[in-house]
N, C-alpha and C. Protein backbone atom coordinates (compact mmCIF):
# COMPACT_ATOMS: atom_id res chain seq x y z
N MET A 1 4.24 -126.94 -300.52
CA MET A 1 5.78 -127.09 -300.89
C MET A 1 6.59 -127.13 -299.77
N PRO A 2 7.33 -128.06 -299.29
CA PRO A 2 8.05 -128.21 -298.16
C PRO A 2 9.34 -126.98 -298.12
N ASP A 3 9.32 -126.37 -296.89
CA ASP A 3 10.31 -125.44 -296.71
C ASP A 3 11.87 -126.08 -296.97
N LYS A 4 12.63 -125.58 -297.84
CA LYS A 4 14.09 -126.39 -298.06
C LYS A 4 15.00 -125.98 -296.95
N ASN A 5 14.77 -125.05 -296.23
CA ASN A 5 15.57 -124.57 -295.09
C ASN A 5 15.40 -125.70 -293.85
N LEU A 6 14.22 -126.46 -293.83
CA LEU A 6 14.04 -127.29 -292.75
C LEU A 6 14.59 -128.67 -293.10
N GLU A 7 14.68 -128.99 -294.45
CA GLU A 7 15.39 -130.25 -294.91
C GLU A 7 16.65 -130.45 -294.27
N ASN A 8 17.87 -129.59 -294.00
CA ASN A 8 19.00 -129.82 -293.76
C ASN A 8 19.04 -129.39 -292.21
N LYS A 9 17.99 -129.26 -291.49
CA LYS A 9 18.19 -129.11 -290.08
C LYS A 9 18.17 -130.65 -289.31
N PRO A 10 18.91 -130.70 -288.20
CA PRO A 10 19.00 -132.03 -287.69
C PRO A 10 17.67 -132.21 -287.10
N ARG A 11 17.05 -133.29 -286.90
CA ARG A 11 15.81 -133.74 -286.38
C ARG A 11 15.93 -133.88 -284.87
N GLY A 12 15.07 -133.99 -284.27
CA GLY A 12 14.77 -134.22 -282.70
C GLY A 12 14.38 -132.90 -281.96
N GLY A 13 14.55 -133.12 -280.79
CA GLY A 13 13.85 -132.01 -279.92
C GLY A 13 14.79 -130.96 -279.69
N TRP A 14 14.36 -129.94 -279.31
CA TRP A 14 15.36 -128.60 -279.04
C TRP A 14 16.47 -128.77 -278.29
N LEU A 15 16.53 -129.86 -277.37
CA LEU A 15 17.51 -130.18 -276.40
C LEU A 15 18.76 -130.67 -277.31
N SER A 16 18.23 -131.71 -278.17
CA SER A 16 19.45 -132.14 -278.99
C SER A 16 19.90 -131.37 -279.99
N ARG A 17 19.23 -130.65 -280.55
CA ARG A 17 19.77 -129.68 -281.26
C ARG A 17 20.51 -128.42 -280.73
N PHE A 18 20.19 -128.19 -279.47
CA PHE A 18 21.10 -127.08 -278.71
C PHE A 18 22.40 -127.75 -278.32
N ALA A 19 22.43 -129.14 -277.90
CA ALA A 19 23.42 -129.52 -277.44
C ALA A 19 23.68 -131.18 -277.67
N PRO A 20 24.33 -131.15 -278.85
CA PRO A 20 24.22 -132.79 -279.13
C PRO A 20 24.90 -133.77 -278.02
N GLY A 21 25.88 -133.08 -277.29
CA GLY A 21 26.40 -134.27 -276.33
C GLY A 21 25.63 -134.38 -275.32
N VAL A 22 24.58 -133.78 -275.23
CA VAL A 22 23.59 -133.77 -273.80
C VAL A 22 23.02 -135.16 -273.77
N ARG A 23 22.71 -135.77 -275.04
CA ARG A 23 22.20 -137.17 -275.02
C ARG A 23 22.93 -138.08 -274.32
N LYS A 24 24.17 -138.25 -274.43
CA LYS A 24 25.15 -139.06 -273.81
C LYS A 24 25.10 -138.72 -272.40
N ILE A 25 25.03 -137.58 -271.91
CA ILE A 25 24.89 -137.18 -270.46
C ILE A 25 23.71 -137.66 -269.62
N VAL A 26 22.60 -137.35 -270.37
CA VAL A 26 21.34 -137.64 -269.72
C VAL A 26 20.95 -139.12 -269.90
N SER A 27 21.44 -139.92 -270.84
CA SER A 27 20.98 -141.20 -271.26
C SER A 27 21.07 -142.09 -270.11
N ARG A 28 20.15 -143.11 -270.04
CA ARG A 28 20.12 -144.17 -268.77
C ARG A 28 21.42 -144.98 -268.81
N ARG A 29 22.15 -144.98 -267.83
CA ARG A 29 23.24 -145.88 -267.38
C ARG A 29 23.02 -147.29 -267.08
N ASP A 30 23.58 -148.16 -267.67
CA ASP A 30 23.47 -149.41 -267.15
C ASP A 30 23.93 -149.76 -265.61
N THR A 31 23.15 -150.15 -264.82
CA THR A 31 23.52 -150.44 -263.39
C THR A 31 23.62 -152.05 -263.25
N PRO A 32 24.49 -152.55 -262.36
CA PRO A 32 24.68 -153.86 -262.21
C PRO A 32 23.32 -154.46 -261.49
N ASP A 33 23.29 -155.83 -261.82
CA ASP A 33 21.93 -156.25 -261.29
C ASP A 33 22.22 -156.57 -259.62
N ASN A 34 23.38 -156.68 -259.07
CA ASN A 34 23.39 -156.98 -257.73
C ASN A 34 23.79 -155.71 -257.14
N LEU A 35 23.36 -154.69 -257.46
CA LEU A 35 23.76 -153.37 -256.68
C LEU A 35 22.88 -153.21 -255.33
N TRP A 36 21.72 -153.89 -255.29
CA TRP A 36 20.87 -153.76 -254.02
C TRP A 36 20.64 -155.19 -253.70
N VAL A 37 20.48 -155.42 -252.32
CA VAL A 37 19.87 -156.47 -251.76
C VAL A 37 18.67 -156.31 -250.76
N LYS A 38 17.66 -157.28 -250.99
CA LYS A 38 16.44 -156.96 -250.36
C LYS A 38 16.54 -157.72 -248.88
N ASP A 39 16.23 -156.88 -247.87
CA ASP A 39 16.23 -157.22 -246.58
C ASP A 39 14.94 -158.25 -246.35
N PRO A 40 15.36 -159.47 -246.15
CA PRO A 40 14.13 -160.28 -245.99
C PRO A 40 13.11 -160.28 -244.97
N ASP A 41 13.54 -159.58 -244.03
CA ASP A 41 12.59 -159.22 -242.81
C ASP A 41 11.71 -158.09 -243.17
N SER A 42 12.48 -156.90 -243.43
CA SER A 42 11.77 -155.55 -243.58
C SER A 42 11.37 -155.30 -244.87
N GLY A 43 11.88 -155.92 -245.92
CA GLY A 43 11.51 -155.68 -247.33
C GLY A 43 12.35 -154.25 -248.05
N GLU A 44 13.00 -153.92 -247.14
CA GLU A 44 13.89 -152.73 -247.44
C GLU A 44 15.20 -153.21 -248.23
N MET A 45 15.20 -152.08 -249.36
CA MET A 45 16.29 -152.22 -250.27
C MET A 45 17.71 -151.84 -249.74
N LEU A 46 18.80 -152.69 -249.59
CA LEU A 46 19.82 -152.24 -249.19
C LEU A 46 21.12 -152.40 -250.04
N PHE A 47 21.73 -151.10 -249.91
CA PHE A 47 22.88 -150.98 -250.92
C PHE A 47 23.82 -152.08 -250.76
N ARG A 48 24.38 -152.91 -251.59
CA ARG A 48 25.13 -154.09 -251.40
C ARG A 48 26.50 -153.75 -250.74
N THR A 49 27.20 -152.54 -251.02
CA THR A 49 28.44 -152.34 -250.38
C THR A 49 28.28 -151.74 -249.01
N ASP A 50 27.09 -151.27 -248.45
CA ASP A 50 26.70 -150.89 -247.28
C ASP A 50 26.62 -152.54 -246.30
N LEU A 51 26.00 -153.31 -247.12
CA LEU A 51 25.55 -154.55 -246.49
C LEU A 51 27.01 -155.49 -246.20
N GLU A 52 27.88 -155.35 -247.41
CA GLU A 52 29.17 -155.88 -247.16
C GLU A 52 30.08 -155.10 -246.00
N ALA A 53 29.97 -153.92 -245.66
CA ALA A 53 30.62 -153.29 -244.87
C ALA A 53 30.07 -153.68 -243.46
N ALA A 54 28.79 -154.04 -243.52
CA ALA A 54 28.35 -154.41 -242.23
C ALA A 54 28.35 -156.07 -242.00
N LEU A 55 29.40 -156.61 -242.56
CA LEU A 55 29.46 -157.94 -242.45
C LEU A 55 28.08 -158.80 -242.75
N TRP A 56 27.47 -158.33 -243.65
CA TRP A 56 26.14 -159.04 -244.25
C TRP A 56 25.12 -159.37 -243.05
N VAL A 57 25.12 -158.29 -242.15
CA VAL A 57 24.22 -158.07 -241.12
C VAL A 57 23.37 -157.01 -241.54
N THR A 58 22.10 -157.21 -241.57
CA THR A 58 21.07 -156.18 -242.22
C THR A 58 20.61 -155.19 -241.05
N PRO A 59 20.10 -154.19 -241.14
CA PRO A 59 19.62 -153.22 -239.91
C PRO A 59 18.77 -153.85 -239.21
N SER A 60 17.89 -154.66 -239.68
CA SER A 60 17.09 -155.41 -238.71
C SER A 60 17.58 -156.44 -237.99
N GLY A 61 18.98 -156.87 -238.14
CA GLY A 61 19.64 -157.64 -237.44
C GLY A 61 19.80 -158.94 -237.81
N ARG A 62 19.28 -159.40 -239.06
CA ARG A 62 19.23 -160.58 -239.88
C ARG A 62 21.12 -160.77 -240.21
N HIS A 63 21.41 -161.99 -239.97
CA HIS A 63 22.73 -162.33 -240.81
C HIS A 63 22.45 -163.12 -241.76
N MET A 64 22.80 -162.52 -242.92
CA MET A 64 22.53 -163.01 -244.35
C MET A 64 23.54 -164.16 -244.59
N ARG A 65 23.21 -165.01 -245.43
CA ARG A 65 23.97 -166.15 -245.79
C ARG A 65 25.09 -165.83 -246.53
N ILE A 66 26.46 -166.14 -246.41
CA ILE A 66 27.45 -165.73 -247.15
C ILE A 66 28.35 -166.97 -247.64
N ASN A 67 29.10 -166.78 -248.67
CA ASN A 67 29.81 -167.95 -249.17
C ASN A 67 31.09 -168.25 -248.57
N ALA A 68 31.82 -169.34 -248.73
CA ALA A 68 33.02 -169.61 -248.17
C ALA A 68 34.16 -168.41 -248.26
N PRO A 69 34.27 -168.15 -249.45
CA PRO A 69 35.42 -166.97 -249.79
C PRO A 69 35.22 -165.55 -249.18
N THR A 70 33.72 -165.23 -249.16
CA THR A 70 33.41 -164.02 -248.26
C THR A 70 33.65 -164.10 -246.87
N ARG A 71 33.35 -165.47 -246.34
CA ARG A 71 33.24 -165.58 -244.75
C ARG A 71 35.10 -165.67 -244.47
N LEU A 72 35.80 -166.07 -245.30
CA LEU A 72 37.38 -166.01 -245.05
C LEU A 72 37.80 -164.63 -244.97
N LYS A 73 37.32 -163.86 -246.06
CA LYS A 73 37.88 -162.54 -246.18
C LYS A 73 37.39 -161.76 -245.09
N ALA A 74 36.12 -161.93 -244.48
CA ALA A 74 35.71 -161.11 -243.39
C ALA A 74 36.25 -161.38 -242.16
N THR A 75 36.85 -162.91 -242.08
CA THR A 75 37.55 -163.28 -240.95
C THR A 75 38.83 -162.76 -240.67
N PHE A 76 39.61 -162.57 -241.63
CA PHE A 76 41.04 -162.45 -241.40
C PHE A 76 41.43 -161.04 -241.47
N ASP A 77 42.33 -160.71 -240.90
CA ASP A 77 42.67 -159.19 -240.87
C ASP A 77 42.86 -158.34 -242.31
N GLU A 78 42.35 -157.56 -242.55
CA GLU A 78 42.42 -156.70 -243.72
C GLU A 78 42.06 -157.67 -244.94
N GLY A 79 41.41 -158.84 -244.60
CA GLY A 79 40.88 -159.46 -245.61
C GLY A 79 41.99 -160.55 -246.42
N LYS A 80 43.12 -160.53 -245.78
CA LYS A 80 44.26 -161.27 -246.33
C LYS A 80 44.45 -162.67 -245.85
N PHE A 81 44.70 -163.67 -246.53
CA PHE A 81 44.93 -164.95 -246.06
C PHE A 81 45.40 -165.86 -247.19
N GLU A 82 46.17 -166.88 -246.62
CA GLU A 82 46.57 -168.07 -247.59
C GLU A 82 45.51 -169.00 -247.67
N SER A 83 45.19 -169.44 -249.29
CA SER A 83 44.17 -170.52 -249.19
C SER A 83 44.81 -171.88 -249.13
N ILE A 84 44.32 -172.77 -248.49
CA ILE A 84 44.90 -174.12 -248.38
C ILE A 84 44.10 -174.86 -249.10
N ASP A 85 44.83 -175.82 -249.95
CA ASP A 85 43.86 -176.67 -250.98
C ASP A 85 43.45 -177.65 -250.04
N THR A 86 42.27 -178.14 -250.35
CA THR A 86 41.57 -179.30 -249.85
C THR A 86 42.07 -180.60 -250.29
N PRO A 87 42.13 -181.76 -249.83
CA PRO A 87 42.56 -182.94 -250.45
C PRO A 87 41.79 -183.53 -251.49
N ASP A 88 42.37 -184.21 -252.42
CA ASP A 88 41.36 -184.87 -253.44
C ASP A 88 41.17 -185.99 -252.72
N VAL A 89 39.83 -186.47 -252.94
CA VAL A 89 39.11 -187.84 -252.58
C VAL A 89 38.50 -188.48 -253.87
N PRO A 90 38.35 -189.83 -253.73
CA PRO A 90 37.32 -190.49 -254.66
C PRO A 90 36.00 -189.70 -254.65
N GLU A 91 35.20 -189.19 -255.76
CA GLU A 91 34.11 -188.65 -255.91
C GLU A 91 32.98 -189.30 -255.57
N ASP A 92 32.89 -190.57 -255.92
CA ASP A 92 31.65 -191.28 -255.53
C ASP A 92 31.77 -192.66 -255.12
N PRO A 93 32.61 -193.35 -254.33
CA PRO A 93 33.00 -194.58 -254.17
C PRO A 93 31.97 -195.71 -253.81
N LEU A 94 30.69 -195.07 -253.37
CA LEU A 94 29.56 -195.83 -252.99
C LEU A 94 28.57 -196.02 -254.37
N LYS A 95 28.90 -195.29 -255.45
CA LYS A 95 27.87 -195.07 -256.72
C LYS A 95 26.72 -194.94 -256.34
N PHE A 96 26.40 -193.89 -255.31
CA PHE A 96 25.24 -193.39 -254.64
C PHE A 96 24.17 -192.78 -255.68
N SER A 97 22.99 -193.12 -255.59
CA SER A 97 22.04 -192.64 -256.48
C SER A 97 20.72 -192.49 -255.70
N ASP A 98 19.97 -191.41 -255.79
CA ASP A 98 18.68 -191.26 -255.26
C ASP A 98 17.81 -190.55 -256.09
N GLY A 99 17.48 -191.35 -257.30
CA GLY A 99 16.67 -190.53 -258.47
C GLY A 99 17.69 -189.69 -259.52
N LYS A 100 18.71 -189.33 -259.00
CA LYS A 100 19.82 -188.65 -259.70
C LYS A 100 21.26 -189.15 -259.24
N PRO A 101 22.02 -189.53 -259.89
CA PRO A 101 23.18 -190.12 -259.61
C PRO A 101 24.11 -188.88 -258.75
N TYR A 102 24.77 -189.38 -257.71
CA TYR A 102 25.28 -188.31 -256.97
C TYR A 102 26.42 -187.49 -257.56
N ARG A 103 27.21 -188.18 -258.79
CA ARG A 103 28.19 -187.44 -259.46
C ARG A 103 27.47 -186.53 -260.28
N GLU A 104 26.30 -186.59 -260.61
CA GLU A 104 25.73 -185.32 -261.36
C GLU A 104 25.50 -184.10 -260.49
N ARG A 105 24.91 -184.73 -259.27
CA ARG A 105 24.63 -183.63 -258.43
C ARG A 105 25.97 -182.92 -257.97
N LEU A 106 26.96 -183.54 -257.94
CA LEU A 106 28.36 -182.99 -257.42
C LEU A 106 28.82 -182.07 -258.37
N ASN A 107 28.48 -182.53 -259.84
CA ASN A 107 29.26 -181.48 -260.83
C ASN A 107 28.20 -180.28 -260.80
N ALA A 108 26.98 -180.56 -260.65
CA ALA A 108 26.02 -179.25 -260.68
C ALA A 108 26.27 -178.31 -259.56
N ALA A 109 26.50 -178.97 -258.42
CA ALA A 109 26.89 -178.06 -257.18
C ALA A 109 28.29 -177.44 -257.37
N ARG A 110 29.13 -178.20 -258.21
CA ARG A 110 30.59 -177.35 -258.37
C ARG A 110 30.44 -176.31 -259.30
N LYS A 111 29.59 -176.53 -260.32
CA LYS A 111 29.30 -175.35 -261.33
C LYS A 111 28.56 -174.13 -260.63
N ALA A 112 27.49 -174.52 -259.76
CA ALA A 112 26.85 -173.24 -259.24
C ALA A 112 27.54 -172.74 -258.07
N ALA A 113 28.52 -173.48 -257.45
CA ALA A 113 29.22 -172.72 -256.29
C ALA A 113 30.60 -172.19 -256.79
N GLY A 114 31.14 -172.67 -258.07
CA GLY A 114 32.54 -172.31 -258.37
C GLY A 114 33.50 -172.99 -257.49
N ARG A 115 33.30 -174.09 -257.00
CA ARG A 115 34.33 -174.56 -255.93
C ARG A 115 34.22 -176.25 -256.17
N LYS A 116 35.21 -177.04 -255.57
CA LYS A 116 35.18 -178.43 -255.94
C LYS A 116 34.28 -179.07 -254.60
N ASP A 117 34.23 -178.35 -253.54
CA ASP A 117 33.39 -178.87 -252.49
C ASP A 117 33.06 -177.99 -251.42
N THR A 118 32.19 -178.33 -250.51
CA THR A 118 31.68 -177.40 -249.62
C THR A 118 32.57 -176.73 -248.42
N MET A 119 33.98 -177.48 -248.29
CA MET A 119 34.93 -176.79 -247.35
C MET A 119 35.85 -175.86 -248.25
N ALA A 120 36.39 -174.64 -247.46
CA ALA A 120 37.35 -173.93 -247.67
C ALA A 120 38.16 -173.62 -246.63
N ILE A 121 39.60 -173.77 -246.86
CA ILE A 121 40.60 -173.55 -245.69
C ILE A 121 41.40 -172.17 -246.01
N GLY A 122 41.55 -171.43 -245.08
CA GLY A 122 42.61 -170.35 -245.04
C GLY A 122 43.52 -170.32 -243.87
N PHE A 123 44.59 -169.79 -244.03
CA PHE A 123 45.51 -169.25 -243.05
C PHE A 123 45.88 -167.92 -242.85
N GLY A 124 45.87 -167.29 -241.83
CA GLY A 124 45.78 -165.87 -241.84
C GLY A 124 45.88 -165.32 -240.46
N LYS A 125 45.86 -164.05 -240.14
CA LYS A 125 45.80 -163.51 -238.78
C LYS A 125 44.41 -162.84 -238.31
N ILE A 126 43.87 -163.20 -237.30
CA ILE A 126 42.70 -162.74 -236.76
C ILE A 126 43.28 -161.86 -235.55
N ASP A 127 42.72 -160.57 -235.70
CA ASP A 127 43.40 -159.53 -234.64
C ASP A 127 44.67 -159.89 -234.29
N GLY A 128 45.55 -160.22 -235.25
CA GLY A 128 47.01 -160.25 -235.27
C GLY A 128 47.47 -161.70 -234.84
N VAL A 129 46.29 -162.50 -234.55
CA VAL A 129 46.95 -164.03 -234.00
C VAL A 129 46.74 -164.82 -235.17
N ALA A 130 47.76 -165.64 -235.36
CA ALA A 130 47.94 -166.48 -236.48
C ALA A 130 46.42 -167.65 -236.34
N ALA A 131 46.07 -168.03 -237.27
CA ALA A 131 45.18 -169.26 -237.19
C ALA A 131 44.73 -169.96 -238.53
N VAL A 132 44.48 -171.24 -238.72
CA VAL A 132 43.92 -171.88 -239.68
C VAL A 132 42.37 -171.76 -239.46
N VAL A 133 41.61 -171.37 -240.61
CA VAL A 133 40.16 -171.35 -240.43
C VAL A 133 39.53 -172.11 -241.58
N ILE A 134 38.70 -173.05 -241.12
CA ILE A 134 37.83 -173.93 -242.36
C ILE A 134 36.38 -173.47 -242.13
N VAL A 135 35.90 -173.15 -243.36
CA VAL A 135 34.62 -172.70 -243.54
C VAL A 135 33.76 -173.55 -244.55
N GLN A 136 32.53 -174.02 -244.03
CA GLN A 136 31.65 -174.78 -244.62
C GLN A 136 30.69 -173.83 -245.62
N ASP A 137 30.60 -174.09 -246.91
CA ASP A 137 29.78 -173.36 -247.61
C ASP A 137 28.39 -173.85 -247.95
N PHE A 138 27.40 -173.22 -247.33
CA PHE A 138 26.09 -173.45 -247.71
C PHE A 138 25.76 -173.54 -249.24
N THR A 139 26.06 -172.80 -249.89
CA THR A 139 25.96 -172.52 -251.34
C THR A 139 26.49 -173.98 -252.24
N PHE A 140 27.10 -174.70 -251.60
CA PHE A 140 27.54 -176.05 -252.21
C PHE A 140 26.86 -177.22 -251.49
N MET A 141 25.74 -177.62 -252.15
CA MET A 141 24.91 -178.58 -251.53
C MET A 141 24.25 -178.57 -250.28
N GLY A 142 24.05 -177.31 -249.73
CA GLY A 142 23.50 -176.99 -248.61
C GLY A 142 24.48 -177.47 -247.34
N GLY A 143 25.91 -177.31 -247.85
CA GLY A 143 26.93 -177.51 -246.89
C GLY A 143 26.79 -179.09 -246.52
N SER A 144 26.31 -179.80 -247.40
CA SER A 144 26.59 -181.04 -247.18
C SER A 144 27.80 -181.85 -246.86
N LEU A 145 27.86 -182.67 -245.91
CA LEU A 145 29.04 -183.11 -245.43
C LEU A 145 29.13 -184.74 -245.97
N GLY A 146 30.26 -184.72 -246.92
CA GLY A 146 30.67 -186.18 -247.42
C GLY A 146 32.17 -186.30 -247.13
N MET A 147 32.71 -187.31 -247.79
CA MET A 147 33.95 -187.68 -247.47
C MET A 147 35.01 -186.51 -247.93
N ALA A 148 34.86 -185.68 -248.78
CA ALA A 148 35.66 -184.70 -248.97
C ALA A 148 35.59 -183.69 -247.97
N ALA A 149 34.47 -183.28 -247.42
CA ALA A 149 34.46 -182.47 -246.12
C ALA A 149 35.20 -182.73 -245.04
N GLY A 150 34.76 -184.11 -244.87
CA GLY A 150 35.62 -184.79 -243.70
C GLY A 150 37.30 -184.95 -243.74
N GLU A 151 37.68 -185.08 -244.98
CA GLU A 151 38.99 -185.12 -245.22
C GLU A 151 39.71 -183.51 -245.18
N ALA A 152 38.60 -182.61 -245.54
CA ALA A 152 39.10 -181.11 -245.43
C ALA A 152 39.41 -180.88 -244.04
N PHE A 153 38.45 -181.28 -243.28
CA PHE A 153 38.35 -180.94 -241.87
C PHE A 153 39.63 -181.36 -241.10
N ILE A 154 39.74 -182.64 -241.50
CA ILE A 154 41.31 -183.31 -240.87
C ILE A 154 42.30 -182.61 -241.31
N ALA A 155 42.43 -182.28 -242.62
CA ALA A 155 43.61 -181.53 -243.19
C ALA A 155 44.01 -180.23 -242.36
N ALA A 156 42.84 -179.53 -242.43
CA ALA A 156 42.88 -178.15 -241.72
C ALA A 156 43.23 -178.20 -240.19
N ALA A 157 42.66 -179.22 -239.52
CA ALA A 157 43.11 -179.52 -238.32
C ALA A 157 44.62 -179.89 -237.96
N ARG A 158 45.00 -180.65 -238.82
CA ARG A 158 46.52 -181.16 -239.00
C ARG A 158 47.40 -179.92 -239.38
N GLU A 159 46.88 -179.07 -240.22
CA GLU A 159 47.65 -177.90 -240.69
C GLU A 159 47.76 -176.98 -239.53
N ALA A 160 46.82 -176.78 -238.71
CA ALA A 160 46.77 -176.05 -237.37
C ALA A 160 47.94 -176.56 -236.54
N VAL A 161 47.78 -177.82 -236.19
CA VAL A 161 48.70 -178.52 -235.22
C VAL A 161 50.22 -178.20 -235.81
N LYS A 162 50.44 -178.50 -237.26
CA LYS A 162 51.86 -178.50 -237.60
C LYS A 162 52.30 -176.88 -237.57
N ARG A 163 51.40 -175.92 -237.39
CA ARG A 163 51.82 -174.49 -237.50
C ARG A 163 51.85 -173.92 -235.94
N GLY A 164 51.24 -174.71 -235.30
CA GLY A 164 50.86 -174.50 -233.62
C GLY A 164 50.19 -173.35 -233.62
N VAL A 165 49.15 -173.29 -234.11
CA VAL A 165 48.07 -172.13 -234.32
C VAL A 165 46.74 -172.66 -234.14
N PRO A 166 45.74 -171.69 -233.62
CA PRO A 166 44.50 -172.05 -233.10
C PRO A 166 43.59 -172.48 -234.36
N PHE A 167 42.65 -173.34 -234.33
CA PHE A 167 41.87 -174.10 -235.48
C PHE A 167 40.49 -173.37 -235.17
N VAL A 168 40.02 -172.80 -236.12
CA VAL A 168 38.57 -172.12 -236.10
C VAL A 168 37.60 -172.87 -237.37
N CYS A 169 36.56 -173.16 -236.79
CA CYS A 169 35.56 -173.82 -237.90
C CYS A 169 34.21 -172.84 -237.90
N PHE A 170 33.85 -172.80 -239.16
CA PHE A 170 32.45 -171.91 -239.30
C PHE A 170 31.60 -172.91 -240.03
N THR A 171 30.67 -173.53 -239.30
CA THR A 171 29.47 -174.46 -240.00
C THR A 171 28.65 -173.74 -240.54
N ALA A 172 27.92 -174.10 -241.67
CA ALA A 172 26.83 -173.75 -242.50
C ALA A 172 26.07 -174.72 -243.14
N ALA A 173 25.32 -175.50 -242.49
CA ALA A 173 24.65 -176.66 -243.18
C ALA A 173 23.10 -176.57 -243.04
N GLY A 174 22.56 -177.14 -243.91
CA GLY A 174 20.97 -177.44 -243.75
C GLY A 174 20.39 -178.32 -242.94
N GLY A 175 21.20 -179.01 -242.12
CA GLY A 175 20.23 -180.18 -241.42
C GLY A 175 21.16 -180.38 -240.35
């Protein structure tokens, strides 16, 4: 015959009976998937915030690939800059296709990179000196240069001339 005194006792190990709140304290916490980055040279796991503080240069000396917004933030004093819009251009005036229509490739790249083209333009100060900076983003079709990239380059150069400040370009292309 079962002991009636045991029926009303809480189930579980002694720890959960001793302190019901302990389960919350010792339970596994979710960690972000991007907390760590693997050094491609050494295989060492690097804490993302340490890598960001080192401007994405690993302890082994490798310069990791970074996107355009990250490059602009790292370039300008205190990460502050004015974003300058790139000009709108016709998307596919040649109706180019090489197994997949260019327009489809363009839309997929826009979705993946979160931007409308490979170039990003910013105006701000670098060591106290005002400058216009254009950055090519490898995450957008490998930094592919098309009509939009060319027009963005010209627009950035004109902006620098108009403001009377230096013009800086960071390239990042696959070919």
